[in-house]
């Protein structure tokens, strides 16, 4: 994934796009919340990640959007930080 503005990860980015850019994102998400362990199952991952945005995942995982974006940033992914941490 390059760092063009349209490729930045933000609250509206689908989880599937993030995983396609870096499969290590699955384990980074699981580190934030055990609720994300279903992403290890390829079938469930394909179904869930394709429909879920970062903001939706934050609600599901019981974590903040900024926590998810921070974890993805640590992987080296191009993240657009939220103005107030929660968007």
PDB file of N, CA and C in Angstrom:
ATOM      1  N   UNK A   1       0.866  -1.172   0.000  1.00  0.00           N
ATOM      2  CA  UNK A   1       0.000   0.000   0.000  1.00  0.00           C
ATOM      3  C   UNK A   1       0.904   1.224   0.000  1.00  0.00           C
ATOM      4  N   UNK A   2       0.669   2.148  -0.918  1.00  0.00           N
ATOM      5  CA  UNK A   2       1.484   3.358  -0.903  1.00  0.00           C
ATOM      6  C   UNK A   2       0.818   4.417  -0.034  1.00  0.00           C
ATOM      7  N   UNK A   3       1.479   5.558   0.095  1.00  0.00           N
ATOM      8  CA  UNK A   3       0.981   6.552   1.043  1.00  0.00           C
ATOM      9  C   UNK A   3       0.203   7.685   0.376  1.00  0.00           C
ATOM     10  N   UNK A   4      -0.325   7.476  -0.824  1.00  0.00           N
ATOM     11  CA  UNK A   4      -1.207   8.483  -1.409  1.00  0.00           C
ATOM     12  C   UNK A   4      -2.393   8.695  -0.493  1.00  0.00           C
ATOM     13  N   UNK A   5      -2.895   9.918  -0.492  1.00  0.00           N
ATOM     14  CA  UNK A   5      -4.012  10.263   0.399  1.00  0.00           C
ATOM     15  C   UNK A   5      -5.170   9.286   0.328  1.00  0.00           C
ATOM     16  N   UNK A   6      -5.521   8.846  -0.870  1.00  0.00           N
ATOM     17  CA  UNK A   6      -6.669   7.950  -1.014  1.00  0.00           C
ATOM     18  C   UNK A   6      -6.391   6.555  -0.452  1.00  0.00           C
ATOM     19  N   UNK A   7      -5.134   6.256  -0.146  1.00  0.00           N
ATOM     20  CA  UNK A   7      -4.783   4.949   0.396  1.00  0.00           C
ATOM     21  C   UNK A   7      -4.565   4.971   1.902  1.00  0.00           C
ATOM     22  N   UNK A   8      -4.755   6.124   2.515  1.00  0.00           N
ATOM     23  CA  UNK A   8      -4.622   6.201   3.966  1.00  0.00           C
ATOM     24  C   UNK A   8      -5.705   5.366   4.626  1.00  0.00           C
ATOM     25  N   UNK A   9      -5.389   4.851   5.773  1.00  0.00           N
ATOM     26  CA  UNK A   9      -6.359   4.098   6.559  1.00  0.00           C
ATOM     27  C   UNK A   9      -6.983   5.058   7.553  1.00  0.00           C
ATOM     28  N   UNK A  10      -8.312   5.058   7.587  1.00  0.00           N
ATOM     29  CA  UNK A  10      -9.029   5.894   8.546  1.00  0.00           C
ATOM     30  C   UNK A  10     -10.231   5.123   9.074  1.00  0.00           C
ATOM     31  N   UNK A  11     -11.103   5.796   9.767  1.00  0.00           N
ATOM     32  CA  UNK A  11     -12.244   5.148  10.420  1.00  0.00           C
ATOM     33  C   UNK A  11     -13.192   4.456   9.440  1.00  0.00           C
ATOM     34  N   UNK A  12     -13.169   4.857   8.170  1.00  0.00           N
ATOM     35  CA  UNK A  12     -14.078   4.300   7.172  1.00  0.00           C
ATOM     36  C   UNK A  12     -13.454   3.208   6.312  1.00  0.00           C
ATOM     37  N   UNK A  13     -12.206   2.888   6.555  1.00  0.00           N
ATOM     38  CA  UNK A  13     -11.514   1.860   5.781  1.00  0.00           C
ATOM     39  C   UNK A  13     -12.011   0.480   6.183  1.00  0.00           C
ATOM     40  N   UNK A  14     -12.265  -0.354   5.189  1.00  0.00           N
ATOM     41  CA  UNK A  14     -12.716  -1.724   5.456  1.00  0.00           C
ATOM     42  C   UNK A  14     -11.534  -2.568   5.953  1.00  0.00           C
ATOM     43  N   UNK A  15     -11.814  -3.418   6.912  1.00  0.00           N
ATOM     44  CA  UNK A  15     -10.794  -4.282   7.500  1.00  0.00           C
ATOM     45  C   UNK A  15     -10.175  -5.197   6.437  1.00  0.00           C
ATOM     46  N   UNK A  16     -10.945  -5.643   5.475  1.00  0.00           N
ATOM     47  CA  UNK A  16     -10.428  -6.518   4.421  1.00  0.00           C
ATOM     48  C   UNK A  16      -9.310  -5.837   3.642  1.00  0.00           C
ATOM     49  N   UNK A  17      -9.444  -4.552   3.380  1.00  0.00           N
ATOM     50  CA  UNK A  17      -8.405  -3.817   2.647  1.00  0.00           C
ATOM     51  C   UNK A  17      -7.118  -3.742   3.472  1.00  0.00           C
ATOM     52  N   UNK A  18      -7.271  -3.580   4.766  1.00  0.00           N
ATOM     53  CA  UNK A  18      -6.110  -3.503   5.654  1.00  0.00           C
ATOM     54  C   UNK A  18      -5.387  -4.849   5.690  1.00  0.00           C
ATOM     55  N   UNK A  19      -6.151  -5.925   5.823  1.00  0.00           N
ATOM     56  CA  UNK A  19      -5.561  -7.270   5.871  1.00  0.00           C
ATOM     57  C   UNK A  19      -4.888  -7.607   4.541  1.00  0.00           C
ATOM     58  N   UNK A  20      -5.486  -7.176   3.436  1.00  0.00           N
ATOM     59  CA  UNK A  20      -4.871  -7.417   2.129  1.00  0.00           C
ATOM     60  C   UNK A  20      -3.529  -6.702   2.021  1.00  0.00           C
ATOM     61  N   UNK A  21      -3.426  -5.525   2.621  1.00  0.00           N
ATOM     62  CA  UNK A  21      -2.178  -4.757   2.589  1.00  0.00           C
ATOM     63  C   UNK A  21      -1.127  -5.366   3.502  1.00  0.00           C
ATOM     64  N   UNK A  22      -1.569  -5.916   4.632  1.00  0.00           N
ATOM     65  CA  UNK A  22      -0.631  -6.511   5.596  1.00  0.00           C
ATOM     66  C   UNK A  22      -1.367  -7.541   6.449  1.00  0.00           C
ATOM     67  N   UNK A  23      -1.196  -8.824   6.136  1.00  0.00           N
ATOM     68  CA  UNK A  23      -1.870  -9.878   6.903  1.00  0.00           C
ATOM     69  C   UNK A  23      -1.550  -9.856   8.401  1.00  0.00           C
ATOM     70  N   UNK A  24      -0.441  -9.249   8.779  1.00  0.00           N
ATOM     71  CA  UNK A  24      -0.096  -9.149  10.205  1.00  0.00           C
ATOM     72  C   UNK A  24      -1.108  -8.297  10.965  1.00  0.00           C
ATOM     73  N   UNK A  25      -1.931  -7.566  10.253  1.00  0.00           N
ATOM     74  CA  UNK A  25      -2.961  -6.743  10.891  1.00  0.00           C
ATOM     75  C   UNK A  25      -3.936  -7.606  11.692  1.00  0.00           C
ATOM     76  N   UNK A  26      -4.144  -8.835  11.272  1.00  0.00           N
ATOM     77  CA  UNK A  26      -5.044  -9.722  12.013  1.00  0.00           C
ATOM     78  C   UNK A  26      -4.544  -9.893  13.447  1.00  0.00           C
ATOM     79  N   UNK A  27      -3.274 -10.230  13.595  1.00  0.00           N
ATOM     80  CA  UNK A  27      -2.731 -10.443  14.939  1.00  0.00           C
ATOM     81  C   UNK A  27      -2.666  -9.141  15.721  1.00  0.00           C
ATOM     82  N   UNK A  28      -2.417  -8.033  15.042  1.00  0.00           N
ATOM     83  CA  UNK A  28      -2.401  -6.729  15.721  1.00  0.00           C
ATOM     84  C   UNK A  28      -3.777  -6.415  16.296  1.00  0.00           C
ATOM     85  N   UNK A  29      -4.826  -6.739  15.555  1.00  0.00           N
ATOM     86  CA  UNK A  29      -6.192  -6.509  16.037  1.00  0.00           C
ATOM     87  C   UNK A  29      -6.520  -7.438  17.203  1.00  0.00           C
ATOM     88  N   UNK A  30      -6.102  -8.689  17.093  1.00  0.00           N
ATOM     89  CA  UNK A  30      -6.364  -9.654  18.163  1.00  0.00           C
ATOM     90  C   UNK A  30      -5.668  -9.223  19.452  1.00  0.00           C
ATOM     91  N   UNK A  31      -4.488  -8.622  19.344  1.00  0.00           N
ATOM     92  CA  UNK A  31      -3.784  -8.117  20.529  1.00  0.00           C
ATOM     93  C   UNK A  31      -4.616  -7.047  21.244  1.00  0.00           C
ATOM     94  N   UNK A  32      -5.394  -6.282  20.482  1.00  0.00           N
ATOM     95  CA  UNK A  32      -6.233  -5.238  21.073  1.00  0.00           C
ATOM     96  C   UNK A  32      -7.462  -5.811  21.766  1.00  0.00           C
ATOM     97  N   UNK A  33      -8.057  -6.850  21.170  1.00  0.00           N
ATOM     98  CA  UNK A  33      -9.277  -7.427  21.728  1.00  0.00           C
ATOM     99  C   UNK A  33      -9.421  -8.881  21.302  1.00  0.00           C
ATOM    100  N   UNK A  34      -9.661  -9.771  22.247  1.00  0.00           N
ATOM    101  CA  UNK A  34      -9.867 -11.174  21.886  1.00  0.00           C
ATOM    102  C   UNK A  34     -11.117 -11.390  21.027  1.00  0.00           C
ATOM    103  N   UNK A  35     -11.967 -10.400  20.952  1.00  0.00           N
ATOM    104  CA  UNK A  35     -13.162 -10.523  20.105  1.00  0.00           C
ATOM    105  C   UNK A  35     -12.806 -10.635  18.625  1.00  0.00           C
ATOM    106  N   UNK A  36     -11.564 -10.273  18.273  1.00  0.00           N
ATOM    107  CA  UNK A  36     -11.145 -10.326  16.882  1.00  0.00           C
ATOM    108  C   UNK A  36     -10.547 -11.674  16.486  1.00  0.00           C
ATOM    109  N   UNK A  37     -10.533 -12.660  17.392  1.00  0.00           N
ATOM    110  CA  UNK A  37      -9.914 -13.954  17.071  1.00  0.00           C
ATOM    111  C   UNK A  37     -10.619 -14.653  15.904  1.00  0.00           C
ATOM    112  N   UNK A  38     -11.862 -14.331  15.650  1.00  0.00           N
ATOM    113  CA  UNK A  38     -12.581 -14.935  14.519  1.00  0.00           C
ATOM    114  C   UNK A  38     -11.929 -14.601  13.188  1.00  0.00           C
ATOM    115  N   UNK A  39     -11.103 -13.542  13.162  1.00  0.00           N
ATOM    116  CA  UNK A  39     -10.420 -13.169  11.926  1.00  0.00           C
ATOM    117  C   UNK A  39      -9.383 -14.209  11.515  1.00  0.00           C
ATOM    118  N   UNK A  40      -8.993 -15.078  12.433  1.00  0.00           N
ATOM    119  CA  UNK A  40      -8.047 -16.153  12.094  1.00  0.00           C
ATOM    120  C   UNK A  40      -8.697 -17.202  11.204  1.00  0.00           C
ATOM    121  N   UNK A  41     -10.009 -17.315  11.251  1.00  0.00           N
ATOM    122  CA  UNK A  41     -10.729 -18.265  10.412  1.00  0.00           C
ATOM    123  C   UNK A  41     -10.899 -17.625   9.025  1.00  0.00           C
ATOM    124  N   UNK A  42     -10.310 -18.211   7.978  1.00  0.00           N
ATOM    125  CA  UNK A  42     -10.351 -17.588   6.653  1.00  0.00           C
ATOM    126  C   UNK A  42     -11.762 -17.312   6.119  1.00  0.00           C
ATOM    127  N   UNK A  43     -12.690 -18.210   6.393  1.00  0.00           N
ATOM    128  CA  UNK A  43     -14.063 -18.017   5.911  1.00  0.00           C
ATOM    129  C   UNK A  43     -14.729 -16.859   6.650  1.00  0.00           C
ATOM    130  N   UNK A  44     -14.645 -16.877   7.973  1.00  0.00           N
ATOM    131  CA  UNK A  44     -15.233 -15.789   8.753  1.00  0.00           C
ATOM    132  C   UNK A  44     -14.548 -14.458   8.456  1.00  0.00           C
ATOM    133  N   UNK A  45     -13.240 -14.509   8.266  1.00  0.00           N
ATOM    134  CA  UNK A  45     -12.493 -13.290   7.972  1.00  0.00           C
ATOM    135  C   UNK A  45     -12.987 -12.675   6.667  1.00  0.00           C
ATOM    136  N   UNK A  46     -13.155 -13.501   5.664  1.00  0.00           N
ATOM    137  CA  UNK A  46     -13.607 -12.995   4.366  1.00  0.00           C
ATOM    138  C   UNK A  46     -14.978 -12.339   4.480  1.00  0.00           C
ATOM    139  N   UNK A  47     -15.860 -12.963   5.223  1.00  0.00           N
ATOM    140  CA  UNK A  47     -17.223 -12.436   5.376  1.00  0.00           C
ATOM    141  C   UNK A  47     -17.223 -11.175   6.230  1.00  0.00           C
ATOM    142  N   UNK A  48     -16.612 -11.264   7.404  1.00  0.00           N
ATOM    143  CA  UNK A  48     -16.665 -10.155   8.364  1.00  0.00           C
ATOM    144  C   UNK A  48     -15.821  -8.959   7.919  1.00  0.00           C
ATOM    145  N   UNK A  49     -14.589  -9.216   7.500  1.00  0.00           N
ATOM    146  CA  UNK A  49     -13.669  -8.125   7.184  1.00  0.00           C
ATOM    147  C   UNK A  49     -14.115  -7.323   5.966  1.00  0.00           C
ATOM    148  N   UNK A  50     -14.785  -7.977   5.050  1.00  0.00           N
ATOM    149  CA  UNK A  50     -15.240  -7.289   3.847  1.00  0.00           C
ATOM    150  C   UNK A  50     -16.354  -6.296   4.106  1.00  0.00           C
ATOM    151  N   UNK A  51     -17.053  -6.463   5.218  1.00  0.00           N
ATOM    152  CA  UNK A  51     -18.197  -5.604   5.520  1.00  0.00           C
ATOM    153  C   UNK A  51     -17.947  -4.654   6.688  1.00  0.00           C
ATOM    154  N   UNK A  52     -16.814  -4.805   7.346  1.00  0.00           N
ATOM    155  CA  UNK A  52     -16.565  -4.076   8.586  1.00  0.00           C
ATOM    156  C   UNK A  52     -15.535  -2.968   8.399  1.00  0.00           C
ATOM    157  N   UNK A  53     -15.881  -1.770   8.848  1.00  0.00           N
ATOM    158  CA  UNK A  53     -14.937  -0.653   8.815  1.00  0.00           C
ATOM    159  C   UNK A  53     -14.156  -0.600  10.131  1.00  0.00           C
ATOM    160  N   UNK A  54     -13.150   0.237  10.168  1.00  0.00           N
ATOM    161  CA  UNK A  54     -12.375   0.418  11.398  1.00  0.00           C
ATOM    162  C   UNK A  54     -13.293   0.880  12.527  1.00  0.00           C
ATOM    163  N   UNK A  55     -14.187   1.810  12.239  1.00  0.00           N
ATOM    164  CA  UNK A  55     -15.100   2.320  13.272  1.00  0.00           C
ATOM    165  C   UNK A  55     -16.013   1.219  13.798  1.00  0.00           C
ATOM    166  N   UNK A  56     -16.523   0.387  12.904  1.00  0.00           N
ATOM    167  CA  UNK A  56     -17.375  -0.724  13.328  1.00  0.00           C
ATOM    168  C   UNK A  56     -16.577  -1.736  14.153  1.00  0.00           C
ATOM    169  N   UNK A  57     -15.352  -2.011  13.723  1.00  0.00           N
ATOM    170  CA  UNK A  57     -14.507  -2.951  14.449  1.00  0.00           C
ATOM    171  C   UNK A  57     -14.210  -2.443  15.856  1.00  0.00           C
ATOM    172  N   UNK A  58     -14.019  -1.149  15.993  1.00  0.00           N
ATOM    173  CA  UNK A  58     -13.768  -0.574  17.316  1.00  0.00           C
ATOM    174  C   UNK A  58     -14.945  -0.846  18.247  1.00  0.00           C
ATOM    175  N   UNK A  59     -16.149  -0.651  17.741  1.00  0.00           N
ATOM    176  CA  UNK A  59     -17.342  -0.929  18.561  1.00  0.00           C
ATOM    177  C   UNK A  59     -17.425  -2.414  18.903  1.00  0.00           C
ATOM    178  N   UNK A  60     -17.201  -3.264  17.919  1.00  0.00           N
ATOM    179  CA  UNK A  60     -17.276  -4.712  18.136  1.00  0.00           C
ATOM    180  C   UNK A  60     -16.233  -5.166  19.157  1.00  0.00           C
ATOM    181  N   UNK A  61     -15.023  -4.637  19.035  1.00  0.00           N
ATOM    182  CA  UNK A  61     -13.921  -5.066  19.902  1.00  0.00           C
ATOM    183  C   UNK A  61     -13.880  -4.386  21.252  1.00  0.00           C
ATOM    184  N   UNK A  62     -14.714  -3.356  21.418  1.00  0.00           N
ATOM    185  CA  UNK A  62     -14.712  -2.637  22.681  1.00  0.00           C
ATOM    186  C   UNK A  62     -13.450  -1.813  22.882  1.00  0.00           C
ATOM    187  N   UNK A  63     -12.884  -1.327  21.786  1.00  0.00           N
ATOM    188  CA  UNK A  63     -11.680  -0.496  21.836  1.00  0.00           C
ATOM    189  C   UNK A  63     -11.966   0.803  21.087  1.00  0.00           C
ATOM    190  N   UNK A  64     -11.058   1.752  21.187  1.00  0.00           N
ATOM    191  CA  UNK A  64     -11.255   3.017  20.487  1.00  0.00           C
ATOM    192  C   UNK A  64     -10.719   2.929  19.060  1.00  0.00           C
ATOM    193  N   UNK A  65     -11.224   3.802  18.226  1.00  0.00           N
ATOM    194  CA  UNK A  65     -10.729   3.909  16.857  1.00  0.00           C
ATOM    195  C   UNK A  65      -9.246   4.244  16.886  1.00  0.00           C
ATOM    196  N   UNK A  66      -8.858   5.144  17.774  1.00  0.00           N
ATOM    197  CA  UNK A  66      -7.447   5.543  17.844  1.00  0.00           C
ATOM    198  C   UNK A  66      -6.548   4.378  18.253  1.00  0.00           C
ATOM    199  N   UNK A  67      -7.041   3.455  19.068  1.00  0.00           N
ATOM    200  CA  UNK A  67      -6.246   2.278  19.426  1.00  0.00           C
ATOM    201  C   UNK A  67      -5.999   1.407  18.195  1.00  0.00           C
ATOM    202  N   UNK A  68      -7.033   1.215  17.392  1.00  0.00           N
ATOM    203  CA  UNK A  68      -6.878   0.412  16.170  1.00  0.00           C
ATOM    204  C   UNK A  68      -5.919   1.103  15.210  1.00  0.00           C
ATOM    205  N   UNK A  69      -6.129   2.393  14.986  1.00  0.00           N
ATOM    206  CA  UNK A  69      -5.260   3.117  14.064  1.00  0.00           C
ATOM    207  C   UNK A  69      -3.816   3.125  14.565  1.00  0.00           C
ATOM    208  N   UNK A  70      -3.634   3.230  15.868  1.00  0.00           N
ATOM    209  CA  UNK A  70      -2.293   3.199  16.438  1.00  0.00           C
ATOM    210  C   UNK A  70      -1.605   1.862  16.203  1.00  0.00           C
ATOM    211  N   UNK A  71      -2.345   0.783  16.398  1.00  0.00           N
ATOM    212  CA  UNK A  71      -1.776  -0.557  16.181  1.00  0.00           C
ATOM    213  C   UNK A  71      -1.397  -0.753  14.715  1.00  0.00           C
ATOM    214  N   UNK A  72      -2.232  -0.254  13.817  1.00  0.00           N
ATOM    215  CA  UNK A  72      -1.947  -0.387  12.388  1.00  0.00           C
ATOM    216  C   UNK A  72      -0.760   0.488  11.992  1.00  0.00           C
ATOM    217  N   UNK A  73      -0.660   1.641  12.611  1.00  0.00           N
ATOM    218  CA  UNK A  73       0.465   2.537  12.355  1.00  0.00           C
ATOM    219  C   UNK A  73       1.777   1.880  12.779  1.00  0.00           C
ATOM    220  N   UNK A  74       1.748   1.146  13.880  1.00  0.00           N
ATOM    221  CA  UNK A  74       2.952   0.454  14.356  1.00  0.00           C
ATOM    222  C   UNK A  74       3.412  -0.617  13.374  1.00  0.00           C
ATOM    223  N   UNK A  75       2.491  -1.103  12.536  1.00  0.00           N
ATOM    224  CA  UNK A  75       2.863  -2.074  11.502  1.00  0.00           C
ATOM    225  C   UNK A  75       3.486  -1.382  10.294  1.00  0.00           C
ATOM    226  N   UNK A  76       3.441  -0.060  10.300  1.00  0.00           N
ATOM    227  CA  UNK A  76       3.985   0.697   9.174  1.00  0.00           C
ATOM    228  C   UNK A  76       2.955   1.038   8.114  1.00  0.00           C
ATOM    229  N   UNK A  77       1.688   0.798   8.415  1.00  0.00           N
ATOM    230  CA  UNK A  77       0.635   1.131   7.457  1.00  0.00           C
ATOM    231  C   UNK A  77       0.341   2.625   7.505  1.00  0.00           C
ATOM    232  N   UNK A  78      -0.036   3.220   6.372  1.00  0.00           N
ATOM    233  CA  UNK A  78      -0.309   4.662   6.325  1.00  0.00           C
ATOM    234  C   UNK A  78      -1.644   4.994   6.965  1.00  0.00           C
ATOM    235  N   UNK A  79      -1.611   5.551   8.145  1.00  0.00           N
ATOM    236  CA  UNK A  79      -2.814   5.814   8.927  1.00  0.00           C
ATOM    237  C   UNK A  79      -3.075   7.300   9.000  1.00  0.00           C
ATOM    238  N   UNK A  80      -4.331   7.677   8.767  1.00  0.00           N
ATOM    239  CA  UNK A  80      -4.765   9.059   8.948  1.00  0.00           C
ATOM    240  C   UNK A  80      -5.330   9.158  10.354  1.00  0.00           C
ATOM    241  N   UNK A  81      -4.645   9.881  11.195  1.00  0.00           N
ATOM    242  CA  UNK A  81      -5.073  10.007  12.594  1.00  0.00           C
ATOM    243  C   UNK A  81      -6.394  10.750  12.699  1.00  0.00           C
ATOM    244  N   UNK A  82      -7.200  10.323  13.642  1.00  0.00           N
ATOM    245  CA  UNK A  82      -8.479  10.970  13.923  1.00  0.00           C
ATOM    246  C   UNK A  82      -8.229  12.281  14.660  1.00  0.00           C
ATOM    247  N   UNK A  83      -8.979  13.304  14.352  1.00  0.00           N
ATOM    248  CA  UNK A  83      -8.803  14.619  14.978  1.00  0.00           C
ATOM    249  C   UNK A  83      -9.021  14.565  16.486  1.00  0.00           C
ATOM    250  N   UNK A  84     -10.034  13.843  16.916  1.00  0.00           N
ATOM    251  CA  UNK A  84     -10.348  13.796  18.350  1.00  0.00           C
ATOM    252  C   UNK A  84     -10.121  12.424  18.950  1.00  0.00           C
ATOM    253  N   UNK A  85      -9.513  11.533  18.193  1.00  0.00           N
ATOM    254  CA  UNK A  85      -9.228  10.193  18.710  1.00  0.00           C
ATOM    255  C   UNK A  85     -10.358   9.207  18.496  1.00  0.00           C
ATOM    256  N   UNK A  86     -11.557   9.701  18.321  1.00  0.00           N
ATOM    257  CA  UNK A  86     -12.703   8.808  18.116  1.00  0.00           C
ATOM    258  C   UNK A  86     -13.434   9.102  16.829  1.00  0.00           C
ATOM    259  N   UNK A  87     -13.136  10.184  16.211  1.00  0.00           N
ATOM    260  CA  UNK A  87     -13.771  10.531  14.938  1.00  0.00           C
ATOM    261  C   UNK A  87     -15.135  11.000  15.152  1.00  0.00           C
TER     262      UNK A  87
END
